[in-house]
Amino acid sequence: MEEEVPASVGIAELLAALSLGIDLGFSQPMEHVLRQCRIALRIAEHLDVDEAGRAAVYYTALLVNVGCHTDSYEQAQWFGDDIAMRATKYGHEPMSLGDIAAMLRLLGSGGTPLHRVRVAFDFATSGWKEVDGMIAGHAQAARALGEELGLPDDVLAALAASYERWDGHGYPGDLAGPEVPLVSRICQLAEFMEVAHRSGGVDAAVSVAQRRSGKQFDPSMVAVVTADAEKVLHGLDEIGSWDAVIDAEPALSHRLAPAEVDAALAAIGRFVDLKSPYTLGHSGAVADLAAGAAEAMGLAAAETRAVRRAGWVLGFGRLGVSNSIWDKPGPLSASQWERVRLHPYLTERMVSQSSVLAPVGRIAVQVRERLDGSGYPRGLSGASIGPPARILGVADAYQAMRERRPHRPALDREEAGGELRAEVQAGRLDGDAVDAVLGIAGHRVSRRRQGPDGLTHREVEVVRLISRGCSNKQIALALGISAKTAGTHVENIYAKIGASSRATASMYAVQPGLLPEYEGDA
């Protein structure tokens, strides 16, 4: 059912939701990034960083590793599992012998012994340089997203220097010592201290900071932080990190109006799609198809906006599944299918704490559900799948068929349309939603006759419910919409048919045959 959402929202809610996907992509527990943001803010406070600097720390900490999924395709080709590769980041000091050994052990993993030998040979000749370029590129990708989201220049500069080191041996290796922006130095120290603290407490966090002091980390910063580590790290588990981080959003931050939320979600959706070359542009195309179909089917403006937003976020959960699965050219194993079946749930989990995205997540999680109960992740069927989710599922299926996949070429328009109609015949997809999506996609479809006096398909349904004595609340429950939207439908219907009450609406409904059944709706 459609739900009310705030008129405006801070950019922090969108970035915090995205950060949970960053956690998954590093095989870290959700809220790792949120915790590192809290630690970074405390470090900034200890260093007496001014208000503008603390704001830069806040947004940089949330986005510091956001670019690391953008070359997952290449990472999986070298190391077999991109997520397993990224998970090695916190086990050893960067580019130490232990770090290099951990990386080398992953070369060609999942392949035959001969394949692994070939990958190792290729890596020795050209792979090192490519991986170095990847790491430097992650910082530039994060900066590019920050630009699209309109973040301040000091945040962009800090993101671009995310992987520089105090000793100058970072990536791309252009900066050293105090040349590295203070914000970058704070966020890097907070990131590694968070992982160490979570696994070994305050002593472990202090140890990793001191061991790498003067190398990876600013020694004067390490001295200040470790001198009062208990205060920097206290109480991280006593309250939820989501609420703590959202409440800490800089007071002067810009609130996003609905259109700005849409623009930000579209940008983030495009960015998430970079995880695989097979999904480039997928979220935007699905959002446009689904929103157009929702409007054609007479869904209210708020519902249509929610469907469009669900299209932009439906790929978020993909961040938690390795490209060794998404980009696999052959059939998936049973365990790989289980990971795939989880990705809509992961999307919902990522956005569920956001006031603006939680209702959208409840649509997106149903994108792979099917009317006969054969879908996933929950095996919903029939009326349990709301109209917005039915539309989104059709739009996603159609767009996926029109795109190349590792195991098949792209289907042409007619092939994709035929597949959707076959799914309708099999009882898996909604026929109205399929017609609407195909119509938006430019197919010729047999149009159902419009109701009398210009009533839409949805308005015909509402007239029938009005005539049966249903209240706005009961209409909303029956159609999976909000009571406010039901009331808007009723007002529009009364204006179209010249009615003012249930009785006059009932008289109208009987005359053209809307009750008991309207042939144009068959």
Protein backbone atom coordinates (compact mmCIF):
# COMPACT_ATOMS: atom_id res chain seq x y z
CA MET A 1 0.00 0.00 0.00
CA GLU A 2 1.23 3.48 -0.82
CA GLU A 3 2.51 5.37 2.21
CA GLU A 4 3.09 8.99 3.04
CA VAL A 5 6.73 10.12 2.79
CA PRO A 6 8.39 13.36 3.97
CA ALA A 7 8.11 16.39 1.70
CA SER A 8 11.87 16.81 1.92
CA VAL A 9 14.79 14.70 3.09
CA GLY A 10 18.47 15.12 3.84
CA ILE A 11 21.02 13.69 1.42
CA ALA A 12 22.34 11.73 4.39
CA GLU A 13 19.44 9.27 4.25
CA LEU A 14 20.24 8.36 0.66
CA LEU A 15 23.98 8.08 1.31
CA ALA A 16 23.44 6.04 4.47
CA ALA A 17 21.26 3.58 2.56
CA LEU A 18 23.92 3.29 -0.15
CA SER A 19 26.59 2.78 2.51
CA LEU A 20 24.91 -0.47 3.58
CA GLY A 21 25.56 -1.76 0.07
CA ILE A 22 29.20 -0.69 0.39
CA ASP A 23 29.35 -2.83 3.54
CA LEU A 24 28.01 -5.85 1.66
CA GLY A 25 30.49 -5.31 -1.17
CA PHE A 26 33.37 -5.59 1.31
CA SER A 27 31.83 -8.58 3.12
CA GLN A 28 31.46 -6.40 6.19
CA PRO A 29 28.44 -6.38 8.50
CA MET A 30 25.87 -3.72 7.71
CA GLU A 31 26.58 -0.39 9.44
CA HIS A 32 30.37 -0.73 9.16
CA VAL A 33 30.44 2.52 7.15
CA LEU A 34 28.00 4.21 9.52
CA ARG A 35 30.20 3.31 12.48
CA GLN A 36 33.32 4.62 10.72
CA CYS A 37 31.43 7.86 10.09
CA ARG A 38 30.71 8.19 13.81
CA ILE A 39 34.36 7.53 14.66
CA ALA A 40 35.53 10.03 12.04
CA LEU A 41 33.30 12.74 13.51
CA ARG A 42 34.71 12.07 16.97
CA ILE A 43 38.27 12.28 15.64
CA ALA A 44 37.39 15.59 13.99
CA GLU A 45 36.02 16.86 17.29
CA HIS A 46 39.24 15.87 19.10
CA LEU A 47 41.25 17.76 16.49
CA ASP A 48 39.05 20.86 16.88
CA VAL A 49 38.03 20.77 13.22
CA ASP A 50 35.61 23.59 12.41
CA GLU A 51 31.97 23.12 11.44
CA ALA A 52 32.61 23.15 7.68
CA GLY A 53 35.40 20.62 8.11
CA ARG A 54 33.20 18.32 10.20
CA ALA A 55 30.54 18.47 7.49
CA ALA A 56 33.16 17.41 4.93
CA VAL A 57 34.25 14.55 7.20
CA TYR A 58 30.63 13.42 7.51
CA TYR A 59 29.92 13.06 3.80
CA THR A 60 33.39 11.78 2.91
CA ALA A 61 33.19 9.01 5.50
CA LEU A 62 29.89 7.82 4.05
CA LEU A 63 31.23 7.72 0.49
CA VAL A 64 34.92 6.89 0.89
CA ASN A 65 34.69 3.37 -0.62
CA VAL A 66 31.67 3.85 -2.82
CA GLY A 67 33.68 3.53 -6.04
CA CYS A 68 35.11 0.10 -5.26
CA HIS A 69 32.33 -1.82 -7.03
CA THR A 70 32.72 0.00 -10.34
CA ASP A 71 35.30 -2.45 -11.69
CA SER A 72 33.86 -5.57 -10.05
CA TYR A 73 33.78 -7.19 -13.48
CA GLU A 74 37.56 -6.89 -13.83
CA GLN A 75 38.18 -7.84 -10.20
CA ALA A 76 36.18 -11.06 -10.69
CA GLN A 77 38.13 -11.87 -13.85
CA TRP A 78 41.41 -11.67 -11.94
CA PHE A 79 40.43 -12.98 -8.53
CA GLY A 80 37.31 -15.07 -9.13
CA ASP A 81 35.18 -13.30 -6.51
CA ASP A 82 35.26 -9.52 -6.32
CA ILE A 83 33.71 -9.41 -2.84
CA ALA A 84 36.22 -11.94 -1.46
CA MET A 85 38.99 -9.83 -2.96
CA ARG A 86 37.78 -6.63 -1.33
CA ALA A 87 37.32 -8.44 2.00
CA THR A 88 41.13 -8.83 2.22
CA LYS A 89 41.54 -5.06 2.60
CA TYR A 90 41.46 -5.06 6.38
CA GLY A 91 43.52 -8.18 7.07
CA HIS A 92 46.97 -6.71 6.41
CA GLU A 93 48.69 -3.38 6.00
CA PRO A 94 48.15 -2.22 2.39
CA MET A 95 50.76 -3.61 -0.02
CA SER A 96 52.61 -5.43 2.76
CA LEU A 97 53.87 -8.96 2.12
CA GLY A 98 50.80 -10.34 3.88
CA ASP A 99 48.48 -8.21 1.78
CA ILE A 100 50.20 -9.25 -1.46
CA ALA A 101 50.15 -12.92 -0.47
CA ALA A 102 46.42 -12.77 0.32
CA MET A 103 45.74 -11.22 -3.06
CA LEU A 104 47.88 -13.72 -4.95
CA ARG A 105 46.11 -16.65 -3.28
CA LEU A 106 42.86 -15.48 -4.89
CA LEU A 107 44.17 -15.29 -8.45
CA GLY A 108 41.93 -17.31 -10.74
CA SER A 109 39.98 -18.77 -7.81
CA GLY A 110 37.00 -20.85 -8.82
CA GLY A 111 38.71 -22.00 -12.03
CA THR A 112 40.63 -25.11 -13.00
CA PRO A 113 44.32 -25.45 -12.03
CA LEU A 114 45.32 -24.65 -15.63
CA HIS A 115 43.12 -21.55 -15.61
CA ARG A 116 44.71 -20.36 -12.38
CA VAL A 117 48.19 -20.79 -13.83
CA ARG A 118 47.25 -18.77 -16.90
CA VAL A 119 45.72 -16.01 -14.77
CA ALA A 120 48.80 -15.91 -12.55
CA PHE A 121 51.06 -15.56 -15.60
CA ASP A 122 48.92 -12.77 -17.06
CA PHE A 123 48.85 -11.03 -13.69
CA ALA A 124 52.62 -11.13 -13.41
CA THR A 125 53.01 -9.48 -16.81
CA SER A 126 50.23 -6.88 -16.75
CA GLY A 127 47.86 -7.43 -13.86
CA TRP A 128 49.76 -5.47 -11.21
CA LYS A 129 49.55 -2.30 -13.23
CA GLU A 130 45.86 -2.83 -13.92
CA VAL A 131 45.04 -3.37 -10.24
CA ASP A 132 46.98 -0.24 -9.29
CA GLY A 133 44.90 1.69 -11.80
CA MET A 134 41.71 0.21 -10.39
CA ILE A 135 42.43 1.40 -6.86
CA ALA A 136 43.25 4.92 -8.02
CA GLY A 137 40.11 4.84 -10.16
CA HIS A 138 37.93 4.03 -7.15
CA ALA A 139 38.68 7.40 -5.62
CA GLN A 140 37.91 9.19 -8.89
CA ALA A 141 34.63 7.28 -9.20
CA ALA A 142 33.62 8.32 -5.68
CA ARG A 143 34.47 11.91 -6.53
CA ALA A 144 32.38 11.71 -9.71
CA LEU A 145 29.32 10.53 -7.75
CA GLY A 146 29.89 13.30 -5.24
CA GLU A 147 29.84 15.81 -8.10
CA GLU A 148 26.56 14.42 -9.42
CA LEU A 149 25.06 14.72 -5.94
CA GLY A 150 26.19 18.32 -5.63
CA LEU A 151 28.48 17.80 -2.63
CA PRO A 152 30.88 20.63 -1.62
CA ASP A 153 34.33 21.03 -3.14
CA ASP A 154 36.14 20.03 0.06
CA VAL A 155 34.26 16.72 0.06
CA LEU A 156 35.19 16.14 -3.58
CA ALA A 157 38.85 16.86 -2.88
CA ALA A 158 38.84 14.49 0.10
CA LEU A 159 37.20 11.71 -1.91
CA ALA A 160 39.77 12.08 -4.69
CA ALA A 161 42.54 11.58 -2.11
CA SER A 162 40.84 8.73 -0.24
CA TYR A 163 43.67 6.24 -0.83
CA GLU A 164 46.67 8.53 -0.49
CA ARG A 165 49.01 7.72 2.43
CA TRP A 166 51.03 9.81 4.82
CA ASP A 167 54.27 8.25 3.49
CA GLY A 168 53.34 8.97 -0.15
CA HIS A 169 52.95 5.30 -1.10
CA GLY A 170 49.20 5.41 -1.62
CA TYR A 171 47.05 5.76 -4.73
CA PRO A 172 47.55 7.44 -7.11
CA GLY A 173 50.63 8.45 -5.09
CA ASP A 174 50.55 12.15 -5.94
CA LEU A 175 50.31 13.38 -2.33
CA ALA A 176 52.14 12.76 0.93
CA GLY A 177 52.18 14.09 4.50
CA PRO A 178 50.16 17.25 5.09
CA GLU A 179 49.49 17.51 1.34
CA VAL A 180 46.83 14.81 1.86
CA PRO A 181 43.63 16.64 2.83
CA LEU A 182 42.94 16.51 6.55
CA VAL A 183 39.47 15.10 5.88
CA SER A 184 40.96 12.19 3.92
CA ARG A 185 43.42 11.43 6.71
CA ILE A 186 40.66 11.42 9.33
CA CYS A 187 38.36 9.15 7.34
CA GLN A 188 41.10 6.66 6.49
CA LEU A 189 42.14 6.32 10.13
CA ALA A 190 38.49 5.96 11.24
CA GLU A 191 37.83 3.24 8.66
CA PHE A 192 40.59 0.93 9.81
CA MET A 193 40.05 1.63 13.50
CA GLU A 194 36.38 0.69 13.13
CA VAL A 195 37.19 -2.76 11.75
CA ALA A 196 39.86 -3.38 14.39
CA HIS A 197 37.60 -2.16 17.21
CA ARG A 198 34.69 -4.32 16.08
CA SER A 199 36.84 -7.44 16.04
CA GLY A 200 39.17 -6.79 18.99
CA GLY A 201 38.02 -3.80 21.01
CA VAL A 202 39.81 -0.58 21.92
CA ASP A 203 43.24 -2.21 22.30
CA ALA A 204 43.07 -3.65 18.77
CA ALA A 205 42.02 -0.29 17.32
CA VAL A 206 44.89 1.49 19.09
CA SER A 207 47.32 -1.19 17.95
CA VAL A 208 46.46 -0.89 14.25
CA ALA A 209 46.68 2.90 14.43
CA GLN A 210 50.07 2.87 16.14
CA ARG A 211 51.56 0.14 13.93
CA ARG A 212 50.77 2.13 10.81
CA SER A 213 51.61 5.55 12.26
CA GLY A 214 53.95 7.46 9.97
CA LYS A 215 53.24 5.04 7.12
CA GLN A 216 49.55 4.85 6.25
CA PHE A 217 48.38 7.28 8.94
CA ASP A 218 49.27 10.80 10.07
CA PRO A 219 51.46 10.27 13.20
CA SER A 220 50.31 13.43 14.99
CA MET A 221 46.68 12.44 14.44
CA VAL A 222 47.35 8.91 15.71
CA ALA A 223 48.98 10.36 18.84
CA VAL A 224 45.97 12.55 19.63
CA VAL A 225 43.42 9.83 18.97
CA THR A 226 45.16 6.97 20.78
CA ALA A 227 45.79 9.18 23.82
CA ASP A 228 42.03 9.27 24.37
CA ALA A 229 40.88 6.20 22.44
CA GLU A 230 38.22 5.22 24.96
CA LYS A 231 36.42 8.51 24.37
CA VAL A 232 36.73 8.23 20.58
CA LEU A 233 35.38 4.68 20.51
CA HIS A 234 32.96 4.53 23.43
CA GLY A 235 29.30 3.59 23.11
CA LEU A 236 29.34 2.56 19.45
CA ASP A 237 27.06 -0.38 20.19
CA GLU A 238 24.77 1.32 22.67
CA ILE A 239 22.56 3.05 20.09
CA GLY A 240 21.84 2.20 16.47
CA SER A 241 24.34 3.70 14.08
CA TRP A 242 21.65 4.59 11.53
CA ASP A 243 19.85 6.99 13.90
CA ALA A 244 23.11 8.33 15.27
CA VAL A 245 24.45 9.17 11.81
CA ILE A 246 21.19 10.65 10.50
CA ASP A 247 20.90 12.79 13.63
CA ALA A 248 24.49 13.97 13.13
CA GLU A 249 23.87 15.33 9.62
CA PRO A 250 25.27 18.88 9.46
CA ALA A 251 22.67 21.40 10.57
CA LEU A 252 23.15 23.62 7.54
CA SER A 253 22.92 20.80 5.00
CA HIS A 254 20.56 21.26 2.09
CA ARG A 255 17.20 19.48 2.33
CA LEU A 256 16.18 17.74 -0.87
CA ALA A 257 12.78 18.48 -2.38
CA PRO A 258 10.99 15.53 -4.09
CA ALA A 259 12.40 16.39 -7.53
CA GLU A 260 15.92 16.58 -6.06
CA VAL A 261 15.42 13.22 -4.36
CA ASP A 262 14.47 11.81 -7.76
CA ALA A 263 17.58 13.25 -9.38
CA ALA A 264 19.82 11.90 -6.60
CA LEU A 265 18.26 8.43 -6.75
CA ALA A 266 18.65 8.35 -10.53
CA ALA A 267 22.35 9.24 -10.16
CA ILE A 268 22.91 6.60 -7.48
CA GLY A 269 21.01 4.02 -9.54
CA ARG A 270 23.25 4.70 -12.56
CA PHE A 271 26.28 4.38 -10.30
CA VAL A 272 25.17 1.04 -8.84
CA ASP A 273 24.56 -0.26 -12.38
CA LEU A 274 28.30 0.10 -13.03
CA LYS A 275 28.86 -3.12 -11.07
CA SER A 276 28.48 -5.12 -14.30
CA PRO A 277 28.77 -4.16 -17.97
CA TYR A 278 25.57 -6.16 -18.48
CA THR A 279 23.47 -3.83 -16.29
CA LEU A 280 24.64 -0.41 -17.49
CA GLY A 281 21.62 1.89 -17.64
CA HIS A 282 19.25 -0.84 -16.43
CA SER A 283 17.78 1.00 -13.45
CA GLY A 284 16.97 4.16 -15.40
CA ALA A 285 15.32 2.23 -18.22
CA VAL A 286 13.22 0.20 -15.79
CA ALA A 287 12.23 3.33 -13.88
CA ASP A 288 11.01 5.04 -17.06
CA LEU A 289 9.12 1.98 -18.33
CA ALA A 290 7.48 1.32 -14.98
CA ALA A 291 6.48 4.93 -14.35
CA GLY A 292 5.02 5.27 -17.84
CA ALA A 293 3.05 2.06 -17.43
CA ALA A 294 1.82 3.10 -13.98
CA GLU A 295 0.52 6.37 -15.39
CA ALA A 296 -1.12 4.58 -18.32
CA MET A 297 -2.88 2.24 -15.89
CA GLY A 298 -4.30 5.18 -13.93
CA LEU A 299 -2.19 4.94 -10.79
CA ALA A 300 -2.13 8.12 -8.76
CA ALA A 301 0.80 10.53 -9.12
CA ALA A 302 2.28 9.50 -5.77
CA GLU A 303 2.11 5.83 -6.71
CA THR A 304 3.71 6.53 -10.06
CA ARG A 305 6.56 8.40 -8.39
CA ALA A 306 7.06 5.50 -5.95
CA VAL A 307 7.21 3.02 -8.85
CA ARG A 308 9.78 5.17 -10.65
CA ARG A 309 11.91 5.40 -7.50
CA ALA A 310 11.65 1.64 -7.01
CA GLY A 311 13.11 1.25 -10.50
CA TRP A 312 16.12 3.34 -9.51
CA VAL A 313 16.81 1.43 -6.29
CA LEU A 314 15.99 -2.15 -7.34
CA GLY A 315 19.64 -2.87 -8.17
CA PHE A 316 21.02 -1.85 -4.77
CA GLY A 317 20.97 -5.44 -3.51
CA ARG A 318 23.17 -6.53 -6.41
CA LEU A 319 26.10 -4.96 -4.54
CA GLY A 320 25.90 -7.84 -2.08
CA VAL A 321 26.30 -10.57 -4.73
CA SER A 322 29.61 -11.35 -6.40
CA ASN A 323 30.21 -10.71 -10.08
CA SER A 324 31.41 -14.30 -10.28
CA ILE A 325 27.66 -14.98 -10.21
CA TRP A 326 26.25 -12.01 -12.13
CA ASP A 327 28.75 -12.36 -14.98
CA LYS A 328 28.92 -16.16 -15.13
CA PRO A 329 28.44 -17.40 -18.72
CA GLY A 330 27.25 -20.87 -17.72
CA PRO A 331 24.42 -22.17 -15.52
CA LEU A 332 24.38 -21.20 -11.85
CA SER A 333 24.83 -23.74 -9.08
CA ALA A 334 22.19 -24.17 -6.38
CA SER A 335 24.19 -22.08 -3.91
CA GLN A 336 24.70 -19.33 -6.50
CA TRP A 337 20.98 -19.24 -7.18
CA GLU A 338 20.38 -18.78 -3.47
CA ARG A 339 22.55 -15.67 -3.56
CA VAL A 340 20.68 -14.33 -6.57
CA ARG A 341 17.34 -14.95 -4.86
CA LEU A 342 18.50 -12.83 -1.93
CA HIS A 343 19.23 -9.64 -3.84
CA PRO A 344 15.70 -8.12 -3.70
CA TYR A 345 15.68 -8.74 0.05
CA LEU A 346 19.07 -7.03 0.35
CA THR A 347 17.66 -4.02 -1.51
CA GLU A 348 14.78 -3.77 0.94
CA ARG A 349 17.15 -4.22 3.88
CA MET A 350 19.36 -1.41 2.65
CA VAL A 351 16.56 1.15 2.34
CA SER A 352 14.24 0.00 5.14
CA GLN A 353 15.47 2.51 7.73
CA SER A 354 15.07 5.54 5.47
CA SER A 355 11.83 7.47 5.89
CA VAL A 356 11.74 8.31 2.18
CA LEU A 357 12.96 4.97 0.79
CA ALA A 358 11.29 2.38 3.02
CA PRO A 359 7.95 2.53 1.12
CA VAL A 360 9.89 2.28 -2.14
CA GLY A 361 11.76 -0.73 -0.81
CA ARG A 362 8.49 -2.50 -0.14
CA ILE A 363 7.76 -2.26 -3.86
CA ALA A 364 11.28 -3.11 -5.02
CA VAL A 365 11.49 -6.26 -2.89
CA GLN A 366 8.61 -7.74 -4.91
CA VAL A 367 10.21 -7.18 -8.32
CA ARG A 368 10.89 -10.91 -8.81
CA GLU A 369 7.69 -12.21 -7.20
CA ARG A 370 5.21 -13.90 -9.55
CA LEU A 371 1.42 -14.28 -9.39
CA ASP A 372 1.58 -18.09 -9.22
CA GLY A 373 3.93 -18.03 -6.22
CA SER A 374 6.99 -19.16 -8.20
CA GLY A 375 8.98 -15.97 -7.64
CA TYR A 376 11.35 -14.80 -4.89
CA PRO A 377 12.42 -13.88 -2.27
CA ARG A 378 9.21 -14.64 -0.35
CA GLY A 379 7.15 -16.66 -2.85
CA LEU A 380 4.22 -14.23 -2.76
CA SER A 381 1.24 -14.84 -5.01
CA GLY A 382 -1.94 -13.23 -6.29
CA ALA A 383 -3.27 -10.26 -4.35
CA SER A 384 -0.21 -10.26 -2.07
CA ILE A 385 1.66 -8.59 -4.94
CA GLY A 386 0.43 -5.01 -5.27
CA PRO A 387 -0.21 -3.22 -8.58
CA PRO A 388 2.98 -1.10 -8.34
CA ALA A 389 5.12 -4.21 -7.83
CA ARG A 390 3.36 -6.05 -10.67
CA ILE A 391 4.21 -3.19 -13.01
CA LEU A 392 7.79 -2.97 -11.77
CA GLY A 393 8.28 -6.72 -12.19
CA VAL A 394 7.11 -6.60 -15.81
CA ALA A 395 9.27 -3.55 -16.59
CA ASP A 396 12.34 -5.19 -15.06
CA ALA A 397 11.73 -8.47 -16.91
CA TYR A 398 11.23 -6.72 -20.26
CA GLN A 399 14.30 -4.51 -19.90
CA ALA A 400 16.47 -7.44 -18.79
CA MET A 401 15.43 -9.43 -21.86
CA ARG A 402 16.33 -6.50 -24.10
CA GLU A 403 19.85 -6.42 -22.63
CA ARG A 404 22.74 -8.76 -23.32
CA ARG A 405 23.61 -11.21 -20.58
CA PRO A 406 26.71 -13.40 -20.19
CA HIS A 407 24.72 -16.54 -21.01
CA ARG A 408 22.65 -15.15 -23.92
CA PRO A 409 22.40 -12.32 -26.46
CA ALA A 410 19.83 -9.56 -26.10
CA LEU A 411 16.33 -10.46 -27.27
CA ASP A 412 14.76 -8.30 -29.95
CA ARG A 413 11.55 -6.41 -29.28
CA GLU A 414 9.20 -9.05 -30.61
CA GLU A 415 10.97 -11.88 -28.80
CA ALA A 416 10.82 -9.99 -25.51
CA GLY A 417 7.15 -9.12 -26.02
CA GLY A 418 6.37 -12.75 -26.83
CA GLU A 419 8.12 -13.91 -23.67
CA LEU A 420 6.06 -11.52 -21.54
CA ARG A 421 2.79 -12.65 -23.12
CA ALA A 422 3.78 -16.28 -22.52
CA GLU A 423 4.29 -15.42 -18.86
CA VAL A 424 0.78 -13.96 -18.74
CA GLN A 425 -0.62 -17.16 -20.24
CA ALA A 426 1.29 -19.19 -17.66
CA GLY A 427 -0.25 -17.13 -14.85
CA ARG A 428 3.00 -15.56 -13.68
CA LEU A 429 2.67 -11.93 -14.85
CA ASP A 430 -0.26 -9.52 -14.76
CA GLY A 431 -1.82 -9.04 -18.21
CA ASP A 432 -2.75 -5.38 -17.64
CA ALA A 433 0.80 -4.58 -16.50
CA VAL A 434 2.28 -6.38 -19.50
CA ASP A 435 0.04 -4.49 -21.93
CA ALA A 436 0.92 -1.19 -20.26
CA VAL A 437 4.69 -1.83 -20.29
CA LEU A 438 4.66 -3.04 -23.88
CA GLY A 439 2.65 0.01 -24.87
CA ILE A 440 5.21 2.32 -23.27
CA ALA A 441 7.99 0.36 -24.97
CA GLY A 442 6.40 1.06 -28.37
CA HIS A 443 4.68 -2.26 -29.04
CA ARG A 444 1.27 -2.44 -30.62
CA VAL A 445 -1.06 -3.88 -28.00
CA SER A 446 -4.77 -4.63 -27.99
CA ARG A 447 -6.14 -1.79 -25.95
CA ARG A 448 -8.87 -2.46 -23.44
CA ARG A 449 -11.78 -0.16 -24.10
CA GLN A 450 -11.73 2.91 -21.87
CA GLY A 451 -14.58 3.19 -19.43
CA PRO A 452 -17.49 5.59 -20.00
CA ASP A 453 -16.89 9.33 -19.55
CA GLY A 454 -13.14 8.81 -19.70
CA LEU A 455 -12.91 6.65 -16.58
CA THR A 456 -9.59 4.84 -16.35
CA HIS A 457 -9.28 1.13 -15.60
CA ARG A 458 -8.45 1.99 -11.97
CA GLU A 459 -11.39 4.40 -11.70
CA VAL A 460 -13.78 1.70 -12.92
CA GLU A 461 -12.53 -0.49 -10.08
CA VAL A 462 -13.11 2.35 -7.61
CA VAL A 463 -16.66 2.99 -8.93
CA ARG A 464 -17.52 -0.66 -8.33
CA LEU A 465 -16.20 -0.49 -4.78
CA ILE A 466 -18.04 2.77 -4.07
CA SER A 467 -21.25 1.17 -5.32
CA ARG A 468 -20.77 -1.75 -2.97
CA GLY A 469 -20.64 0.63 -0.01
CA CYS A 470 -16.89 0.63 0.55
CA SER A 471 -15.33 3.52 2.47
CA ASN A 472 -12.16 5.22 1.27
CA LYS A 473 -10.21 3.11 3.75
CA GLN A 474 -11.78 -0.10 2.46
CA ILE A 475 -11.14 0.95 -1.16
CA ALA A 476 -7.50 1.61 -0.26
CA LEU A 477 -7.17 -1.81 1.35
CA ALA A 478 -8.74 -3.59 -1.61
CA LEU A 479 -6.53 -1.86 -4.20
CA GLY A 480 -3.28 -1.59 -2.25
CA ILE A 481 -3.21 2.21 -2.21
CA SER A 482 -3.35 4.84 0.54
CA ALA A 483 -6.66 6.18 1.87
CA LYS A 484 -5.61 9.63 0.64
CA THR A 485 -5.12 8.30 -2.91
CA ALA A 486 -8.46 6.49 -2.73
CA GLY A 487 -10.09 9.77 -1.73
CA THR A 488 -8.48 11.52 -4.69
CA HIS A 489 -9.82 8.83 -7.04
CA VAL A 490 -13.31 9.25 -5.58
CA GLU A 491 -13.21 13.04 -6.04
CA ASN A 492 -12.03 12.69 -9.65
CA ILE A 493 -14.70 10.10 -10.41
CA TYR A 494 -17.47 12.23 -8.93
CA ALA A 495 -16.30 15.16 -11.06
CA LYS A 496 -16.27 13.02 -14.23
CA ILE A 497 -19.68 11.40 -13.76
CA GLY A 498 -21.46 14.23 -11.98
CA ALA A 499 -22.11 12.21 -8.82
CA SER A 500 -22.02 13.41 -5.23
CA SER A 501 -22.73 10.29 -3.17
CA ARG A 502 -22.57 6.52 -3.16
CA ALA A 503 -26.19 6.30 -4.25
CA THR A 504 -25.74 8.51 -7.33
CA ALA A 505 -22.47 6.74 -8.18
CA SER A 506 -24.31 3.40 -7.93
CA MET A 507 -27.07 4.60 -10.26
CA TYR A 508 -24.42 5.67 -12.74
CA ALA A 509 -22.55 2.38 -12.44
CA VAL A 510 -25.58 0.26 -13.21
CA GLN A 511 -26.62 2.17 -16.34
CA PRO A 512 -23.56 1.54 -18.57
CA GLY A 513 -23.06 -1.94 -17.20
CA LEU A 514 -20.19 -1.32 -14.84
CA LEU A 515 -22.02 -3.59 -12.44
CA PRO A 516 -21.96 -6.46 -12.11
CA GLU A 517 -19.29 -6.55 -14.83
CA TYR A 518 -18.02 -4.11 -17.44
CA GLU A 519 -17.16 -5.78 -20.69
CA GLY A 520 -14.38 -3.33 -21.47
CA ASP A 521 -12.61 -4.52 -18.34
CA ALA A 522 -12.76 -8.21 -19.20
